[in-house]
Amino acid sequence: MAYTYILLSKMRNKTYVGSTVDLKNRITEHNSGKSTFTKRYIPWQLVYSEEFDSIQEARKREKYFKTAAGRTFTKKYIPR
């Protein structure tokens, strides 16, 4: 299984979109400062995730969330 996920930093009102095969471990990495971008906005909270059969599908969805249409979806459906 692979996942596309959206994290929210309530401290800075920032979102982060990513994909992984180990969701629990990846969130732990984000909250422990092991990711360059996200370490500035700790703590992160998982607010959305989708499950896929392959990492390629998850990355495709991640790319969608980084487009204008995907950001519109995020603003509309992801609570801040």
C-alpha atoms as a PDB file:
ATOM      1  CA  MET A   1       0.000   0.000   0.000  1.00  0.00           C
ATOM      2  CA  ALA A   2       1.013   3.596  -0.618  1.00  0.00           C
ATOM      3  CA  TYR A   3      -0.444   6.834   0.669  1.00  0.00           C
ATOM      4  CA  THR A   4      -0.881  10.462  -0.287  1.00  0.00           C
ATOM      5  CA  TYR A   5      -1.299  12.644   2.763  1.00  0.00           C
ATOM      6  CA  ILE A   6      -1.863  16.214   3.854  1.00  0.00           C
ATOM      7  CA  LEU A   7      -0.387  17.543   7.072  1.00  0.00           C
ATOM      8  CA  LEU A   8      -1.384  20.741   8.840  1.00  0.00           C
ATOM      9  CA  SER A   9       0.798  22.897  11.055  1.00  0.00           C
ATOM     10  CA  LYS A  10      -1.693  24.793  13.189  1.00  0.00           C
ATOM     11  CA  MET A  11       1.133  26.846  14.646  1.00  0.00           C
ATOM     12  CA  ARG A  12       1.813  28.453  11.252  1.00  0.00           C
ATOM     13  CA  ASN A  13      -1.394  27.525   9.364  1.00  0.00           C
ATOM     14  CA  LYS A  14       0.675  25.709   6.708  1.00  0.00           C
ATOM     15  CA  THR A  15      -0.158  22.530   4.842  1.00  0.00           C
ATOM     16  CA  TYR A  16       2.231  19.941   3.465  1.00  0.00           C
ATOM     17  CA  VAL A  17       1.393  17.317   0.832  1.00  0.00           C
ATOM     18  CA  GLY A  18       3.419  14.146   0.460  1.00  0.00           C
ATOM     19  CA  SER A  19       3.337  10.477  -0.475  1.00  0.00           C
ATOM     20  CA  THR A  20       4.868   7.427   1.184  1.00  0.00           C
ATOM     21  CA  VAL A  21       4.596   3.681   1.687  1.00  0.00           C
ATOM     22  CA  ASP A  22       4.831   3.973   5.496  1.00  0.00           C
ATOM     23  CA  LEU A  23       2.472   6.712   6.645  1.00  0.00           C
ATOM     24  CA  LYS A  24       2.980   6.362  10.396  1.00  0.00           C
ATOM     25  CA  ASN A  25       6.778   6.466  10.108  1.00  0.00           C
ATOM     26  CA  ARG A  26       6.707   9.395   7.678  1.00  0.00           C
ATOM     27  CA  ILE A  27       4.583  11.520  10.025  1.00  0.00           C
ATOM     28  CA  THR A  28       7.009  10.690  12.841  1.00  0.00           C
ATOM     29  CA  GLU A  29       9.888  11.861  10.624  1.00  0.00           C
ATOM     30  CA  HIS A  30       8.115  15.144   9.893  1.00  0.00           C
ATOM     31  CA  ASN A  31       7.473  15.783  13.594  1.00  0.00           C
ATOM     32  CA  SER A  32      11.028  14.905  14.632  1.00  0.00           C
ATOM     33  CA  GLY A  33      12.647  17.418  12.271  1.00  0.00           C
ATOM     34  CA  LYS A  34      14.065  14.934   9.752  1.00  0.00           C
ATOM     35  CA  SER A  35      12.449  16.690   6.778  1.00  0.00           C
ATOM     36  CA  THR A  36      14.042  19.960   5.645  1.00  0.00           C
ATOM     37  CA  PHE A  37      10.864  21.905   4.872  1.00  0.00           C
ATOM     38  CA  THR A  38       8.614  20.604   7.616  1.00  0.00           C
ATOM     39  CA  LYS A  39      11.044  20.959  10.526  1.00  0.00           C
ATOM     40  CA  ARG A  40      10.368  24.722  10.554  1.00  0.00           C
ATOM     41  CA  TYR A  41       6.660  24.225  11.241  1.00  0.00           C
ATOM     42  CA  ILE A  42       6.543  21.414  13.850  1.00  0.00           C
ATOM     43  CA  PRO A  43       4.173  20.055  15.141  1.00  0.00           C
ATOM     44  CA  TRP A  44       2.279  18.535  12.209  1.00  0.00           C
ATOM     45  CA  GLN A  45      -1.130  16.886  12.343  1.00  0.00           C
ATOM     46  CA  LEU A  46      -2.440  14.442   9.728  1.00  0.00           C
ATOM     47  CA  VAL A  47      -5.668  15.924   8.353  1.00  0.00           C
ATOM     48  CA  TYR A  48      -6.187  13.857   5.193  1.00  0.00           C
ATOM     49  CA  SER A  49      -4.894  10.673   3.579  1.00  0.00           C
ATOM     50  CA  GLU A  50      -5.738   8.420   0.650  1.00  0.00           C
ATOM     51  CA  GLU A  51      -4.582   4.837   0.108  1.00  0.00           C
ATOM     52  CA  PHE A  52      -3.335   3.497  -3.242  1.00  0.00           C
ATOM     53  CA  ASP A  53      -2.101   0.183  -4.616  1.00  0.00           C
ATOM     54  CA  SER A  54       1.221   1.655  -5.779  1.00  0.00           C
ATOM     55  CA  ILE A  55       3.565   4.517  -4.945  1.00  0.00           C
ATOM     56  CA  GLN A  56       3.237   5.715  -8.552  1.00  0.00           C
ATOM     57  CA  GLU A  57      -0.502   6.263  -8.074  1.00  0.00           C
ATOM     58  CA  ALA A  58       0.117   8.019  -4.752  1.00  0.00           C
ATOM     59  CA  ARG A  59       2.694  10.348  -6.331  1.00  0.00           C
ATOM     60  CA  LYS A  60       0.301  11.149  -9.164  1.00  0.00           C
ATOM     61  CA  ARG A  61      -2.311  12.215  -6.614  1.00  0.00           C
ATOM     62  CA  GLU A  62       0.332  14.194  -4.692  1.00  0.00           C
ATOM     63  CA  LYS A  63       1.171  16.095  -7.890  1.00  0.00           C
ATOM     64  CA  TYR A  64      -2.542  16.849  -8.353  1.00  0.00           C
ATOM     65  CA  PHE A  65      -2.772  18.359  -4.864  1.00  0.00           C
ATOM     66  CA  LYS A  66       0.113  20.665  -5.776  1.00  0.00           C
ATOM     67  CA  THR A  67      -1.767  22.113  -8.781  1.00  0.00           C
ATOM     68  CA  ALA A  68      -4.183  25.044  -8.596  1.00  0.00           C
ATOM     69  CA  ALA A  69      -7.159  22.657  -8.704  1.00  0.00           C
ATOM     70  CA  GLY A  70      -5.658  20.523  -5.949  1.00  0.00           C
ATOM     71  CA  ARG A  71      -5.002  23.538  -3.734  1.00  0.00           C
ATOM     72  CA  THR A  72      -8.619  24.602  -4.258  1.00  0.00           C
ATOM     73  CA  PHE A  73      -9.745  21.135  -3.118  1.00  0.00           C
ATOM     74  CA  THR A  74      -7.489  21.400  -0.077  1.00  0.00           C
ATOM     75  CA  LYS A  75      -8.822  24.816   0.904  1.00  0.00           C
ATOM     76  CA  LYS A  76     -12.422  23.684   0.451  1.00  0.00           C
ATOM     77  CA  TYR A  77     -12.344  20.297   2.190  1.00  0.00           C
ATOM     78  CA  ILE A  78      -9.436  20.328   4.636  1.00  0.00           C
ATOM     79  CA  PRO A  79     -10.185  22.104   7.935  1.00  0.00           C
ATOM     80  CA  ARG A  80      -7.656  24.675   9.130  1.00  0.00           C
END
